[in-house]
C-alpha atoms as a PDB file:
ATOM      1  CA  MET A   1     -41.505  38.499   8.576  1.00  0.00           C
ATOM      2  CA  VAL A   2     -38.809  40.431  10.430  1.00  0.00           C
ATOM      3  CA  ASP A   3     -36.461  42.658   8.444  1.00  0.00           C
ATOM      4  CA  PRO A   4     -32.993  41.026   8.731  1.00  0.00           C
ATOM      5  CA  VAL A   5     -31.246  44.427   8.652  1.00  0.00           C
ATOM      6  CA  LEU A   6     -31.497  45.922  12.145  1.00  0.00           C
ATOM      7  CA  ASN A   7     -28.860  48.676  12.010  1.00  0.00           C
ATOM      8  CA  GLY A   8     -27.773  51.325   9.549  1.00  0.00           C
ATOM      9  CA  PRO A   9     -24.419  51.086   7.776  1.00  0.00           C
ATOM     10  CA  TYR A  10     -22.974  54.261   9.323  1.00  0.00           C
ATOM     11  CA  ASN A  11     -24.141  54.025  12.941  1.00  0.00           C
ATOM     12  CA  ILE A  12     -22.896  51.951  15.880  1.00  0.00           C
ATOM     13  CA  PRO A  13     -25.006  48.773  16.073  1.00  0.00           C
ATOM     14  CA  SER A  14     -27.736  49.043  18.714  1.00  0.00           C
ATOM     15  CA  ARG A  15     -29.654  45.756  18.203  1.00  0.00           C
ATOM     16  CA  TYR A  16     -28.824  42.196  17.173  1.00  0.00           C
ATOM     17  CA  PHE A  17     -30.421  38.790  16.757  1.00  0.00           C
ATOM     18  CA  GLU A  18     -29.826  36.296  19.562  1.00  0.00           C
ATOM     19  CA  ILE A  19     -27.753  33.267  18.519  1.00  0.00           C
ATOM     20  CA  GLY A  20     -28.904  29.983  20.072  1.00  0.00           C
ATOM     21  CA  PRO A  21     -27.441  26.476  19.851  1.00  0.00           C
ATOM     22  CA  ASN A  22     -29.114  25.943  16.464  1.00  0.00           C
ATOM     23  CA  GLY A  23     -28.452  29.402  14.972  1.00  0.00           C
ATOM     24  CA  PRO A  24     -30.428  32.678  15.114  1.00  0.00           C
ATOM     25  CA  THR A  25     -33.535  32.447  17.299  1.00  0.00           C
ATOM     26  CA  GLY A  26     -35.382  35.463  15.889  1.00  0.00           C
ATOM     27  CA  VAL A  27     -35.253  37.280  19.242  1.00  0.00           C
ATOM     28  CA  ILE A  28     -33.949  40.841  18.950  1.00  0.00           C
ATOM     29  CA  LEU A  29     -31.679  41.993  21.790  1.00  0.00           C
ATOM     30  CA  SER A  30     -30.512  45.537  22.469  1.00  0.00           C
ATOM     31  CA  GLY A  31     -26.847  46.514  22.527  1.00  0.00           C
ATOM     32  CA  ARG A  32     -23.998  45.160  20.469  1.00  0.00           C
ATOM     33  CA  ARG A  33     -23.461  41.421  19.928  1.00  0.00           C
ATOM     34  CA  PRO A  34     -20.347  40.197  21.753  1.00  0.00           C
ATOM     35  CA  SER A  35     -17.475  39.141  19.523  1.00  0.00           C
ATOM     36  CA  GLN A  36     -16.994  35.364  19.472  1.00  0.00           C
ATOM     37  CA  SER A  37     -14.821  32.920  17.568  1.00  0.00           C
ATOM     38  CA  TYR A  38     -16.013  29.493  16.488  1.00  0.00           C
ATOM     39  CA  ILE A  39     -13.057  27.121  16.774  1.00  0.00           C
ATOM     40  CA  PRO A  40     -13.506  23.881  14.815  1.00  0.00           C
ATOM     41  CA  ILE A  41     -12.815  20.669  16.700  1.00  0.00           C
ATOM     42  CA  PRO A  42     -12.237  17.512  14.672  1.00  0.00           C
ATOM     43  CA  PRO A  43     -14.767  14.744  15.321  1.00  0.00           C
ATOM     44  CA  PRO A  44     -13.468  11.749  17.275  1.00  0.00           C
ATOM     45  CA  LYS A  45     -11.802   9.054  15.206  1.00  0.00           C
ATOM     46  CA  LYS A  46     -13.340   5.617  15.096  1.00  0.00           C
ATOM     47  CA  GLY A  47     -11.585   2.790  16.925  1.00  0.00           C
ATOM     48  CA  LYS A  48     -10.116   4.837  19.792  1.00  0.00           C
ATOM     49  CA  ALA A  49      -9.020   3.147  22.993  1.00  0.00           C
ATOM     50  CA  LYS A  50     -11.721   2.300  25.535  1.00  0.00           C
ATOM     51  CA  ASN A  51     -10.088   4.448  28.224  1.00  0.00           C
ATOM     52  CA  SER A  52     -10.190   7.641  26.152  1.00  0.00           C
ATOM     53  CA  GLN A  53     -11.587  10.894  27.527  1.00  0.00           C
ATOM     54  CA  PRO A  54     -15.420  11.153  27.338  1.00  0.00           C
ATOM     55  CA  PRO A  55     -16.814  13.784  24.944  1.00  0.00           C
ATOM     56  CA  LEU A  56     -17.675  17.233  26.291  1.00  0.00           C
ATOM     57  CA  GLN A  57     -21.340  17.721  27.102  1.00  0.00           C
ATOM     58  CA  ASP A  58     -21.690  21.189  25.532  1.00  0.00           C
ATOM     59  CA  ASP A  59     -24.707  21.154  23.177  1.00  0.00           C
ATOM     60  CA  LEU A  60     -23.128  23.399  20.528  1.00  0.00           C
ATOM     61  CA  LEU A  61     -19.892  21.414  20.577  1.00  0.00           C
ATOM     62  CA  THR A  62     -21.654  18.080  20.085  1.00  0.00           C
ATOM     63  CA  LEU A  63     -23.856  19.401  17.272  1.00  0.00           C
ATOM     64  CA  THR A  64     -21.338  21.366  15.227  1.00  0.00           C
ATOM     65  CA  HIS A  65     -17.942  20.174  16.504  1.00  0.00           C
ATOM     66  CA  GLU A  66     -17.083  23.800  17.258  1.00  0.00           C
ATOM     67  CA  LYS A  67     -16.005  25.515  20.441  1.00  0.00           C
ATOM     68  CA  VAL A  68     -17.201  29.071  21.069  1.00  0.00           C
ATOM     69  CA  ALA A  69     -14.633  31.447  22.571  1.00  0.00           C
ATOM     70  CA  GLU A  70     -15.228  35.062  23.561  1.00  0.00           C
ATOM     71  CA  ASN A  71     -12.836  37.617  22.054  1.00  0.00           C
ATOM     72  CA  ASP A  72     -12.158  39.541  25.268  1.00  0.00           C
ATOM     73  CA  LEU A  73      -9.807  42.117  23.712  1.00  0.00           C
ATOM     74  CA  ILE A  74     -12.255  43.032  20.948  1.00  0.00           C
ATOM     75  CA  ASN A  75     -15.157  43.245  23.381  1.00  0.00           C
ATOM     76  CA  ALA A  76     -13.095  45.516  25.683  1.00  0.00           C
ATOM     77  CA  LEU A  77     -12.174  47.827  22.794  1.00  0.00           C
ATOM     78  CA  ARG A  78     -15.797  48.213  21.761  1.00  0.00           C
END
């Protein structure tokens, strides 16, 4: 089993676990994980009009009803 703590509490993070569409994959990547926000999107309501917009085809969005957005300012400051 892999130790879930990869970095010390007082040092700049140098490794992180890769996050896939279904959560952590167990793959360790070097560097610092990019800052991301998970924006909840409400599921479609039943009984909508037939001419409504088709759902987005993003795997993570369809599974969790969340949109992932990069935090560009935070990543630039790091």
